């Protein structure tokens, strides 16, 4: 091996800090910066994705403070009326009702007994009422059948639904925007059906 004479680069003074290619190792805090940025970006993507999903599908709702617009007061639901008022004439024949275009009736089975939604649907379809969705309610322990109507002009139709089912009360409510008439079956319907 060749031997070269010593020069100024062979002697490194101890008081001079290293520079250039001889950098100090990164501190632990500097190593965590990319991880923190990745976590922040992931969190933002998850929040944006969930919010977008809630806009696309009515089945998914997420209340994100600040993104849902102005805070609205909880909607007060009108309590069910004990019985149709004397002035309301129950309409049981769809030919006698002035129904809006696309009129359908939604039936929610809140009894916990399978098949009662279809039984209620049959009771309404036989006279000619257009029944749309028949499904289970969010609660399966409803005690009373309630016929919700979204337009005051449909009060007679709602009273007719009570007459056709043999049980229930009516209530004006905008809690069910999917159909002008929504029937939530309760335990009183299960008792009447058995």
N, C-alpha and C. Protein backbone atom coordinates (compact mmCIF):
# COMPACT_ATOMS: atom_id res chain seq x y z
N UNK A 1 0.81 -1.16 0.00
CA UNK A 1 0.00 0.00 0.00
C UNK A 1 0.87 1.24 0.00
N UNK A 2 0.46 2.22 -0.73
CA UNK A 2 1.27 3.43 -0.83
C UNK A 2 1.13 4.26 0.43
N UNK A 3 2.18 4.90 0.75
CA UNK A 3 2.18 5.74 1.94
C UNK A 3 2.33 7.17 1.48
N UNK A 4 1.39 8.03 1.90
CA UNK A 4 1.40 9.43 1.51
C UNK A 4 1.89 10.27 2.67
N UNK A 5 2.48 11.36 2.36
CA UNK A 5 2.96 12.22 3.44
C UNK A 5 1.77 12.89 4.14
N UNK A 6 1.85 13.12 5.43
CA UNK A 6 0.74 13.75 6.15
C UNK A 6 0.48 15.17 5.63
N UNK A 7 -0.82 15.55 5.62
CA UNK A 7 -1.18 16.91 5.22
C UNK A 7 -2.14 17.49 6.26
N UNK A 8 -2.70 18.67 5.94
CA UNK A 8 -3.53 19.36 6.93
C UNK A 8 -4.85 18.65 7.20
N UNK A 9 -5.31 17.76 6.31
CA UNK A 9 -6.57 17.08 6.52
C UNK A 9 -6.44 15.88 7.45
N UNK A 10 -5.24 15.45 7.73
CA UNK A 10 -5.03 14.31 8.61
C UNK A 10 -5.15 14.70 10.07
N UNK A 11 -4.97 15.92 10.36
CA UNK A 11 -5.04 16.37 11.75
C UNK A 11 -6.34 17.14 11.95
N UNK A 12 -7.26 16.56 12.70
CA UNK A 12 -8.55 17.19 12.97
C UNK A 12 -8.51 17.76 14.37
N UNK A 13 -8.65 19.09 14.45
CA UNK A 13 -8.63 19.67 15.78
C UNK A 13 -9.87 19.27 16.56
N UNK A 14 -9.76 19.10 17.85
CA UNK A 14 -10.89 18.66 18.69
C UNK A 14 -11.87 19.79 18.97
N UNK A 15 -11.49 21.00 18.77
CA UNK A 15 -12.38 22.13 19.06
C UNK A 15 -13.29 22.50 17.89
N UNK A 16 -13.01 22.02 16.73
CA UNK A 16 -13.79 22.37 15.55
C UNK A 16 -14.91 21.34 15.37
N UNK A 17 -16.18 21.81 15.21
CA UNK A 17 -17.30 20.91 14.99
C UNK A 17 -17.26 20.38 13.56
N UNK A 18 -17.78 19.23 13.36
CA UNK A 18 -17.79 18.62 12.04
C UNK A 18 -18.80 19.34 11.16
N UNK A 19 -18.50 19.45 9.89
CA UNK A 19 -19.38 20.08 8.92
C UNK A 19 -19.38 19.25 7.66
N UNK A 20 -20.34 19.59 6.75
CA UNK A 20 -20.36 18.89 5.47
C UNK A 20 -20.96 17.52 5.60
N UNK A 21 -20.28 16.51 5.08
CA UNK A 21 -20.81 15.15 5.07
C UNK A 21 -20.83 14.54 6.46
N UNK A 22 -20.20 15.16 7.41
CA UNK A 22 -20.13 14.63 8.76
C UNK A 22 -21.20 15.29 9.62
N UNK A 23 -22.48 15.08 9.28
CA UNK A 23 -23.57 15.70 10.03
C UNK A 23 -23.89 14.86 11.26
N UNK A 24 -24.44 15.53 12.23
CA UNK A 24 -24.84 14.85 13.46
C UNK A 24 -26.09 14.02 13.18
N UNK A 25 -26.31 12.93 13.89
CA UNK A 25 -27.52 12.13 13.70
C UNK A 25 -28.77 12.95 14.06
N UNK A 26 -29.91 12.59 13.40
CA UNK A 26 -31.16 13.31 13.66
C UNK A 26 -31.65 13.02 15.07
N UNK A 27 -32.24 14.04 15.66
CA UNK A 27 -32.77 13.85 17.01
C UNK A 27 -34.08 13.07 16.92
N UNK A 28 -34.56 12.58 18.05
CA UNK A 28 -35.78 11.81 18.10
C UNK A 28 -36.98 12.66 17.69
N UNK A 29 -36.98 13.94 18.06
CA UNK A 29 -38.08 14.83 17.71
C UNK A 29 -38.15 15.03 16.20
N UNK A 30 -37.01 15.13 15.54
CA UNK A 30 -37.00 15.29 14.10
C UNK A 30 -37.48 14.03 13.39
N UNK A 31 -37.26 12.87 13.98
CA UNK A 31 -37.71 11.62 13.37
C UNK A 31 -39.22 11.47 13.46
N UNK A 32 -39.88 12.11 14.43
CA UNK A 32 -41.33 12.00 14.61
C UNK A 32 -42.12 12.97 13.73
N UNK A 33 -41.49 13.94 13.12
CA UNK A 33 -42.21 14.92 12.29
C UNK A 33 -42.94 14.24 11.13
N UNK A 34 -42.32 13.35 10.36
CA UNK A 34 -43.07 12.70 9.26
C UNK A 34 -44.24 11.85 9.78
N UNK A 35 -44.06 11.21 10.93
CA UNK A 35 -45.14 10.40 11.51
C UNK A 35 -46.31 11.30 11.90
N UNK A 36 -46.02 12.46 12.49
CA UNK A 36 -47.08 13.38 12.88
C UNK A 36 -47.84 13.90 11.67
N UNK A 37 -47.13 14.22 10.58
CA UNK A 37 -47.80 14.69 9.36
C UNK A 37 -48.67 13.58 8.77
N UNK A 38 -48.19 12.35 8.78
CA UNK A 38 -48.97 11.23 8.24
C UNK A 38 -50.24 11.01 9.07
N UNK A 39 -50.14 11.11 10.40
CA UNK A 39 -51.30 10.94 11.27
C UNK A 39 -52.32 12.05 11.04
N UNK A 40 -51.85 13.28 10.89
CA UNK A 40 -52.75 14.40 10.63
C UNK A 40 -53.46 14.23 9.29
N UNK A 41 -52.72 13.86 8.26
CA UNK A 41 -53.32 13.66 6.94
C UNK A 41 -54.34 12.53 6.98
N UNK A 42 -54.05 11.44 7.69
CA UNK A 42 -55.00 10.32 7.81
C UNK A 42 -56.27 10.76 8.51
N UNK A 43 -56.14 11.51 9.58
CA UNK A 43 -57.31 11.99 10.30
C UNK A 43 -58.19 12.89 9.45
N UNK A 44 -57.57 13.79 8.70
CA UNK A 44 -58.34 14.68 7.82
C UNK A 44 -59.06 13.87 6.75
N UNK A 45 -58.39 12.88 6.16
CA UNK A 45 -59.02 12.05 5.13
C UNK A 45 -60.19 11.25 5.68
N UNK A 46 -60.07 10.74 6.90
CA UNK A 46 -61.17 9.98 7.52
C UNK A 46 -62.36 10.89 7.76
N UNK A 47 -62.15 12.07 8.31
CA UNK A 47 -63.26 13.00 8.58
C UNK A 47 -63.94 13.42 7.29
N UNK A 48 -63.17 13.75 6.27
CA UNK A 48 -63.75 14.16 4.99
C UNK A 48 -64.51 12.98 4.36
N UNK A 49 -63.97 11.79 4.45
CA UNK A 49 -64.65 10.61 3.90
C UNK A 49 -65.96 10.32 4.59
N UNK A 50 -66.00 10.38 5.92
CA UNK A 50 -67.23 10.13 6.66
C UNK A 50 -68.27 11.20 6.37
N UNK A 51 -67.84 12.44 6.29
CA UNK A 51 -68.78 13.52 5.99
C UNK A 51 -69.35 13.35 4.58
N UNK A 52 -68.50 12.99 3.63
CA UNK A 52 -68.98 12.76 2.25
C UNK A 52 -69.95 11.60 2.20
N UNK A 53 -69.67 10.54 2.96
CA UNK A 53 -70.58 9.40 3.01
C UNK A 53 -71.93 9.79 3.58
N UNK A 54 -71.94 10.66 4.59
CA UNK A 54 -73.22 11.10 5.16
C UNK A 54 -74.01 11.95 4.19
N UNK A 55 -73.34 12.63 3.26
CA UNK A 55 -74.06 13.41 2.25
C UNK A 55 -74.62 12.52 1.15
N UNK A 56 -73.93 11.42 0.84
CA UNK A 56 -74.34 10.54 -0.25
C UNK A 56 -75.50 9.64 0.17
N UNK A 57 -75.44 9.10 1.38
CA UNK A 57 -76.43 8.11 1.81
C UNK A 57 -77.24 8.65 2.98
N UNK A 58 -78.57 8.47 2.90
CA UNK A 58 -79.44 8.87 4.00
C UNK A 58 -79.34 7.92 5.19
N UNK A 59 -78.80 6.74 4.97
CA UNK A 59 -78.69 5.77 6.06
C UNK A 59 -77.56 6.09 7.02
N UNK A 60 -76.62 6.91 6.57
CA UNK A 60 -75.46 7.25 7.39
C UNK A 60 -75.55 8.73 7.76
N UNK A 61 -75.53 9.02 9.04
CA UNK A 61 -75.54 10.41 9.48
C UNK A 61 -74.47 10.61 10.52
N UNK A 62 -73.69 11.62 10.32
CA UNK A 62 -72.64 12.00 11.26
C UNK A 62 -72.80 13.48 11.55
N UNK A 63 -72.87 13.81 12.79
CA UNK A 63 -72.94 15.21 13.19
C UNK A 63 -71.52 15.69 13.45
N UNK A 64 -70.98 16.47 12.54
CA UNK A 64 -69.64 17.01 12.68
C UNK A 64 -69.79 18.48 13.01
N UNK A 65 -69.38 18.91 14.20
CA UNK A 65 -69.55 20.31 14.58
C UNK A 65 -68.84 21.23 13.60
N UNK A 66 -69.53 22.28 13.20
CA UNK A 66 -68.95 23.26 12.30
C UNK A 66 -69.15 22.96 10.84
N UNK A 67 -69.36 21.68 10.46
CA UNK A 67 -69.53 21.33 9.06
C UNK A 67 -70.99 21.14 8.67
N UNK A 68 -71.87 21.00 9.64
CA UNK A 68 -73.28 20.76 9.34
C UNK A 68 -74.08 22.03 9.28
N UNK A 69 -73.45 23.16 9.20
CA UNK A 69 -74.18 24.42 9.12
C UNK A 69 -74.57 24.89 10.51
N UNK A 70 -75.57 25.73 10.56
CA UNK A 70 -76.02 26.29 11.83
C UNK A 70 -76.61 25.20 12.70
N UNK A 71 -76.37 25.33 13.97
CA UNK A 71 -76.94 24.39 14.90
C UNK A 71 -78.45 24.58 14.94
N UNK A 72 -79.16 23.50 14.70
CA UNK A 72 -80.61 23.60 14.72
C UNK A 72 -81.14 22.96 15.99
N UNK A 73 -82.24 23.53 16.45
CA UNK A 73 -82.87 22.99 17.64
C UNK A 73 -83.49 21.65 17.29
N UNK A 74 -83.51 20.70 18.24
CA UNK A 74 -84.11 19.41 17.94
C UNK A 74 -85.59 19.59 17.59
N UNK A 75 -85.98 18.87 16.54
CA UNK A 75 -87.36 18.99 16.09
C UNK A 75 -88.31 18.38 17.12
N UNK A 76 -89.31 19.14 17.45
CA UNK A 76 -90.30 18.65 18.39
C UNK A 76 -91.36 17.89 17.63
N UNK A 77 -91.57 16.67 18.02
CA UNK A 77 -92.54 15.84 17.35
C UNK A 77 -93.90 16.08 17.98
N UNK A 78 -94.89 16.19 17.14
CA UNK A 78 -96.24 16.39 17.64
C UNK A 78 -96.71 15.11 18.30
N UNK A 79 -97.22 15.19 19.53
CA UNK A 79 -97.67 13.96 20.19
C UNK A 79 -98.89 13.40 19.45
N UNK A 80 -99.06 12.08 19.49
CA UNK A 80 -100.20 11.47 18.81
C UNK A 80 -101.52 11.97 19.39
N UNK A 81 -102.47 12.13 18.50
CA UNK A 81 -103.80 12.50 18.95
C UNK A 81 -104.48 11.27 19.52
N UNK A 82 -105.28 11.41 20.59
CA UNK A 82 -105.91 10.24 21.19
C UNK A 82 -106.86 9.51 20.23
N UNK A 83 -107.55 10.24 19.38
CA UNK A 83 -108.45 9.64 18.41
C UNK A 83 -108.68 10.67 17.32
N UNK A 84 -109.13 10.25 16.15
CA UNK A 84 -109.41 11.24 15.13
C UNK A 84 -110.47 12.22 15.61
N UNK A 85 -110.26 13.52 15.38
CA UNK A 85 -111.25 14.49 15.81
C UNK A 85 -112.59 14.24 15.10
N UNK A 86 -113.63 14.75 15.70
CA UNK A 86 -114.97 14.55 15.16
C UNK A 86 -115.08 15.13 13.75
N UNK A 87 -114.35 16.22 13.47
CA UNK A 87 -114.47 16.86 12.18
C UNK A 87 -113.73 16.12 11.07
N UNK A 88 -112.86 15.19 11.42
CA UNK A 88 -112.09 14.45 10.42
C UNK A 88 -112.87 13.21 10.03
N UNK A 89 -113.12 13.10 8.75
CA UNK A 89 -113.81 11.92 8.22
C UNK A 89 -112.75 10.94 7.73
N UNK A 90 -112.69 9.73 8.30
CA UNK A 90 -111.70 8.75 7.84
C UNK A 90 -111.94 8.37 6.39
N UNK A 91 -110.91 8.40 5.59
CA UNK A 91 -111.00 8.01 4.18
C UNK A 91 -110.37 6.63 4.05
N UNK A 92 -111.20 5.63 3.79
CA UNK A 92 -110.70 4.26 3.66
C UNK A 92 -110.62 3.80 2.21
N UNK A 93 -111.21 4.56 1.29
CA UNK A 93 -111.18 4.21 -0.13
C UNK A 93 -110.24 5.18 -0.85
N UNK A 94 -109.17 4.69 -1.48
CA UNK A 94 -108.23 5.60 -2.14
C UNK A 94 -108.86 6.37 -3.30
N UNK A 95 -109.96 5.88 -3.86
CA UNK A 95 -110.61 6.59 -4.96
C UNK A 95 -111.24 7.89 -4.48
N UNK A 96 -111.52 7.99 -3.19
CA UNK A 96 -112.15 9.19 -2.63
C UNK A 96 -111.13 10.23 -2.16
N UNK A 97 -109.86 9.87 -2.17
CA UNK A 97 -108.81 10.77 -1.67
C UNK A 97 -108.11 11.47 -2.82
N UNK A 98 -107.77 12.73 -2.61
CA UNK A 98 -106.95 13.48 -3.58
C UNK A 98 -105.49 13.27 -3.20
N UNK A 99 -104.89 12.22 -3.73
CA UNK A 99 -103.52 11.84 -3.36
C UNK A 99 -102.52 12.54 -4.26
N UNK A 100 -101.42 13.01 -3.70
CA UNK A 100 -100.37 13.63 -4.53
C UNK A 100 -99.67 12.58 -5.40
N UNK A 101 -99.01 13.05 -6.44
CA UNK A 101 -98.26 12.14 -7.31
C UNK A 101 -97.17 11.43 -6.51
N UNK A 102 -96.98 10.17 -6.77
CA UNK A 102 -95.94 9.40 -6.08
C UNK A 102 -96.30 9.05 -4.65
N UNK A 103 -97.57 9.12 -4.30
CA UNK A 103 -98.01 8.83 -2.94
C UNK A 103 -97.78 7.36 -2.60
N UNK A 104 -97.08 7.11 -1.50
CA UNK A 104 -96.91 5.75 -0.98
C UNK A 104 -97.01 5.77 0.52
N UNK A 105 -97.27 4.62 1.07
CA UNK A 105 -97.37 4.45 2.51
C UNK A 105 -96.21 3.59 2.96
N UNK A 106 -95.52 4.01 4.01
CA UNK A 106 -94.43 3.24 4.59
C UNK A 106 -94.93 2.59 5.87
N UNK A 107 -94.61 1.32 6.05
CA UNK A 107 -95.02 0.59 7.26
C UNK A 107 -93.77 0.15 8.00
N UNK A 108 -93.66 0.55 9.26
CA UNK A 108 -92.53 0.18 10.12
C UNK A 108 -93.04 -0.76 11.21
N UNK A 109 -92.51 -1.96 11.26
CA UNK A 109 -92.93 -2.94 12.26
C UNK A 109 -92.13 -2.73 13.53
N UNK A 110 -92.77 -2.14 14.52
CA UNK A 110 -92.12 -1.90 15.81
C UNK A 110 -92.59 -2.84 16.89
N UNK A 111 -93.14 -4.00 16.49
CA UNK A 111 -93.68 -4.94 17.45
C UNK A 111 -92.68 -5.99 17.89
N UNK A 112 -91.68 -6.26 17.09
CA UNK A 112 -90.74 -7.34 17.39
C UNK A 112 -91.26 -8.69 16.93
N UNK A 113 -92.46 -8.73 16.35
CA UNK A 113 -93.05 -9.97 15.84
C UNK A 113 -92.91 -9.96 14.32
N UNK A 114 -92.21 -10.91 13.78
CA UNK A 114 -91.99 -10.97 12.33
C UNK A 114 -93.30 -11.24 11.60
N UNK A 115 -93.46 -10.58 10.46
CA UNK A 115 -94.62 -10.82 9.62
C UNK A 115 -95.78 -9.87 9.82
N UNK A 116 -95.76 -9.08 10.89
CA UNK A 116 -96.89 -8.17 11.13
C UNK A 116 -96.88 -7.00 10.16
N UNK A 117 -95.71 -6.61 9.66
CA UNK A 117 -95.65 -5.56 8.66
C UNK A 117 -96.36 -5.98 7.38
N UNK A 118 -96.14 -7.23 6.97
CA UNK A 118 -96.80 -7.75 5.77
C UNK A 118 -98.30 -7.87 5.99
N UNK A 119 -98.71 -8.24 7.20
CA UNK A 119 -100.14 -8.34 7.52
C UNK A 119 -100.81 -6.97 7.43
N UNK A 120 -100.15 -5.95 7.96
CA UNK A 120 -100.68 -4.58 7.86
C UNK A 120 -100.70 -4.12 6.41
N UNK A 121 -99.68 -4.47 5.65
CA UNK A 121 -99.63 -4.11 4.24
C UNK A 121 -100.81 -4.73 3.49
N UNK A 122 -101.10 -5.99 3.75
CA UNK A 122 -102.23 -6.65 3.10
C UNK A 122 -103.55 -5.95 3.42
N UNK A 123 -103.69 -5.49 4.67
CA UNK A 123 -104.93 -4.81 5.07
C UNK A 123 -105.11 -3.50 4.31
N UNK A 124 -104.02 -2.89 3.86
CA UNK A 124 -104.11 -1.62 3.14
C UNK A 124 -104.12 -1.82 1.62
N UNK A 125 -103.41 -2.83 1.13
CA UNK A 125 -103.34 -3.07 -0.30
C UNK A 125 -104.68 -3.59 -0.84
N UNK A 126 -105.39 -4.40 -0.05
CA UNK A 126 -106.67 -4.96 -0.49
C UNK A 126 -107.66 -3.89 -0.93
N UNK A 127 -107.83 -2.76 -0.18
CA UNK A 127 -108.72 -1.71 -0.67
C UNK A 127 -108.11 -0.85 -1.78
N UNK A 128 -106.79 -1.03 -2.07
CA UNK A 128 -106.18 -0.29 -3.18
C UNK A 128 -105.17 0.77 -2.78
N UNK A 129 -104.76 0.84 -1.53
CA UNK A 129 -103.77 1.84 -1.11
C UNK A 129 -102.39 1.44 -1.58
N UNK A 130 -101.58 2.39 -2.07
CA UNK A 130 -100.22 2.07 -2.53
C UNK A 130 -99.23 2.00 -1.37
N UNK A 131 -98.83 0.80 -1.03
CA UNK A 131 -97.86 0.59 0.05
C UNK A 131 -96.49 0.47 -0.58
N UNK A 132 -95.54 1.27 -0.09
CA UNK A 132 -94.18 1.25 -0.60
C UNK A 132 -93.30 0.32 0.21
N UNK A 133 -92.64 0.87 1.21
CA UNK A 133 -91.68 0.12 2.01
C UNK A 133 -92.35 -0.50 3.22
N UNK A 134 -92.04 -1.77 3.47
CA UNK A 134 -92.46 -2.47 4.68
C UNK A 134 -91.19 -3.01 5.30
N UNK A 135 -90.84 -2.50 6.48
CA UNK A 135 -89.57 -2.89 7.10
C UNK A 135 -89.70 -2.81 8.62
N UNK A 136 -88.66 -3.25 9.31
CA UNK A 136 -88.63 -3.18 10.76
C UNK A 136 -88.34 -1.76 11.21
N UNK A 137 -88.94 -1.36 12.30
CA UNK A 137 -88.69 -0.04 12.88
C UNK A 137 -87.37 -0.07 13.64
N UNK A 138 -86.89 1.11 13.97
CA UNK A 138 -85.64 1.21 14.74
C UNK A 138 -85.82 0.61 16.13
N UNK A 139 -87.03 0.70 16.67
CA UNK A 139 -87.33 0.12 17.98
C UNK A 139 -88.29 -1.04 17.78
N UNK A 140 -88.12 -2.09 18.54
CA UNK A 140 -89.01 -3.24 18.42
C UNK A 140 -89.92 -3.39 19.64
N UNK A 141 -90.04 -2.33 20.42
CA UNK A 141 -90.87 -2.41 21.63
C UNK A 141 -91.90 -1.27 21.70
N UNK A 142 -92.42 -0.88 20.54
CA UNK A 142 -93.44 0.18 20.52
C UNK A 142 -94.73 -0.37 21.11
N UNK A 143 -95.36 0.40 21.96
CA UNK A 143 -96.59 -0.06 22.61
C UNK A 143 -97.83 0.31 21.83
N UNK A 144 -97.77 1.42 21.10
CA UNK A 144 -98.95 1.93 20.44
C UNK A 144 -98.67 2.15 18.95
N UNK A 145 -99.64 1.81 18.12
CA UNK A 145 -99.54 2.05 16.69
C UNK A 145 -99.87 3.51 16.42
N UNK A 146 -98.99 4.18 15.65
CA UNK A 146 -99.19 5.59 15.32
C UNK A 146 -99.08 5.74 13.81
N UNK A 147 -100.05 6.45 13.23
CA UNK A 147 -100.03 6.76 11.80
C UNK A 147 -99.58 8.21 11.68
N UNK A 148 -98.37 8.42 11.15
CA UNK A 148 -97.82 9.75 10.99
C UNK A 148 -98.15 10.27 9.59
N UNK A 149 -98.63 11.50 9.51
CA UNK A 149 -98.88 12.12 8.21
C UNK A 149 -98.14 13.45 8.17
N UNK A 150 -97.56 13.76 6.99
CA UNK A 150 -96.70 14.93 6.88
C UNK A 150 -97.42 16.17 6.38
N UNK A 151 -98.61 16.02 5.84
CA UNK A 151 -99.37 17.14 5.29
C UNK A 151 -100.74 17.17 5.96
N UNK A 152 -101.16 18.33 6.50
CA UNK A 152 -102.48 18.39 7.15
C UNK A 152 -103.62 17.97 6.24
N UNK A 153 -103.44 18.07 4.92
CA UNK A 153 -104.50 17.65 4.00
C UNK A 153 -104.68 16.14 4.00
N UNK A 154 -103.72 15.39 4.54
CA UNK A 154 -103.81 13.93 4.58
C UNK A 154 -104.33 13.40 5.91
N UNK A 155 -104.88 14.26 6.73
CA UNK A 155 -105.37 13.83 8.04
C UNK A 155 -106.49 12.81 7.91
N UNK A 156 -107.39 13.00 6.95
CA UNK A 156 -108.47 12.05 6.73
C UNK A 156 -107.95 10.70 6.27
N UNK A 157 -106.90 10.72 5.43
CA UNK A 157 -106.28 9.47 4.97
C UNK A 157 -105.64 8.75 6.16
N UNK A 158 -104.96 9.49 7.02
CA UNK A 158 -104.34 8.89 8.20
C UNK A 158 -105.40 8.27 9.10
N UNK A 159 -106.52 8.98 9.27
CA UNK A 159 -107.61 8.43 10.07
C UNK A 159 -108.18 7.18 9.42
N UNK A 160 -108.19 7.15 8.08
CA UNK A 160 -108.65 5.95 7.37
C UNK A 160 -107.73 4.77 7.59
N UNK A 161 -106.41 5.03 7.69
CA UNK A 161 -105.46 3.95 7.96
C UNK A 161 -105.74 3.33 9.34
N UNK A 162 -106.04 4.20 10.31
CA UNK A 162 -106.38 3.72 11.66
C UNK A 162 -107.63 2.86 11.59
N UNK A 163 -108.61 3.31 10.81
CA UNK A 163 -109.86 2.54 10.69
C UNK A 163 -109.61 1.19 10.01
N UNK A 164 -108.77 1.16 8.98
CA UNK A 164 -108.50 -0.10 8.28
C UNK A 164 -107.70 -1.07 9.14
N UNK A 165 -106.76 -0.54 9.94
CA UNK A 165 -105.95 -1.42 10.80
C UNK A 165 -106.69 -1.84 12.06
N UNK A 166 -107.66 -1.04 12.46
CA UNK A 166 -108.44 -1.36 13.66
C UNK A 166 -107.84 -0.85 14.95
N UNK A 167 -106.63 -0.30 14.91
CA UNK A 167 -105.99 0.25 16.11
C UNK A 167 -105.14 1.44 15.72
N UNK A 168 -104.77 2.23 16.69
CA UNK A 168 -103.80 3.29 16.47
C UNK A 168 -104.34 4.68 16.65
N UNK A 169 -103.43 5.63 16.57
CA UNK A 169 -103.73 7.05 16.64
C UNK A 169 -103.01 7.72 15.48
N UNK A 170 -103.34 8.99 15.27
CA UNK A 170 -102.69 9.73 14.18
C UNK A 170 -101.88 10.87 14.77
N UNK A 171 -100.86 11.29 14.02
CA UNK A 171 -100.02 12.40 14.46
C UNK A 171 -99.45 13.12 13.25
N UNK A 172 -99.53 14.44 13.26
CA UNK A 172 -98.90 15.26 12.23
C UNK A 172 -97.42 15.37 12.57
N UNK A 173 -96.56 14.95 11.64
CA UNK A 173 -95.12 14.95 11.92
C UNK A 173 -94.34 15.01 10.61
N UNK A 174 -93.19 15.70 10.65
CA UNK A 174 -92.29 15.71 9.50
C UNK A 174 -91.06 14.86 9.77
N UNK A 175 -91.16 13.93 10.72
CA UNK A 175 -90.03 13.08 11.09
C UNK A 175 -89.74 12.01 10.05
N UNK A 176 -90.69 11.74 9.15
CA UNK A 176 -90.51 10.70 8.13
C UNK A 176 -90.66 11.33 6.75
N UNK A 177 -89.58 11.91 6.20
CA UNK A 177 -89.70 12.59 4.90
C UNK A 177 -89.82 11.63 3.71
N UNK A 178 -89.63 10.34 3.91
CA UNK A 178 -89.65 9.40 2.81
C UNK A 178 -91.02 9.11 2.24
N UNK A 179 -92.06 9.29 3.03
CA UNK A 179 -93.42 8.99 2.56
C UNK A 179 -94.40 9.93 3.26
N UNK A 180 -95.48 10.30 2.57
CA UNK A 180 -96.45 11.20 3.19
C UNK A 180 -97.19 10.56 4.37
N UNK A 181 -97.34 9.23 4.34
CA UNK A 181 -97.96 8.49 5.45
C UNK A 181 -96.98 7.41 5.90
N UNK A 182 -96.65 7.40 7.19
CA UNK A 182 -95.80 6.37 7.76
C UNK A 182 -96.52 5.76 8.95
N UNK A 183 -96.63 4.45 8.95
CA UNK A 183 -97.34 3.75 10.02
C UNK A 183 -96.30 2.99 10.84
N UNK A 184 -96.24 3.31 12.13
CA UNK A 184 -95.35 2.60 13.06
C UNK A 184 -96.22 1.66 13.88
N UNK A 185 -96.10 0.36 13.60
CA UNK A 185 -96.92 -0.64 14.27
C UNK A 185 -96.41 -0.89 15.68
N UNK A 186 -97.35 -0.98 16.61
CA UNK A 186 -97.00 -1.22 18.00
C UNK A 186 -97.63 -2.49 18.53
N UNK A 187 -97.48 -2.70 19.84
CA UNK A 187 -97.98 -3.91 20.48
C UNK A 187 -99.49 -4.01 20.39
N UNK A 188 -100.21 -2.87 20.31
CA UNK A 188 -101.67 -2.95 20.19
C UNK A 188 -102.08 -3.61 18.87
N UNK A 189 -101.31 -3.41 17.80
CA UNK A 189 -101.61 -4.09 16.54
C UNK A 189 -101.31 -5.58 16.65
N UNK A 190 -100.21 -5.92 17.34
CA UNK A 190 -99.88 -7.34 17.52
C UNK A 190 -100.97 -8.03 18.30
N UNK A 191 -101.53 -7.37 19.31
CA UNK A 191 -102.59 -7.96 20.11
C UNK A 191 -103.87 -8.12 19.28
N UNK A 192 -104.17 -7.12 18.44
CA UNK A 192 -105.38 -7.18 17.61
C UNK A 192 -105.23 -8.24 16.52
N UNK A 193 -104.02 -8.47 16.03
CA UNK A 193 -103.79 -9.41 14.94
C UNK A 193 -103.82 -10.87 15.41
N UNK A 194 -103.60 -11.07 16.71
CA UNK A 194 -103.55 -12.46 17.19
C UNK A 194 -104.89 -13.01 17.57
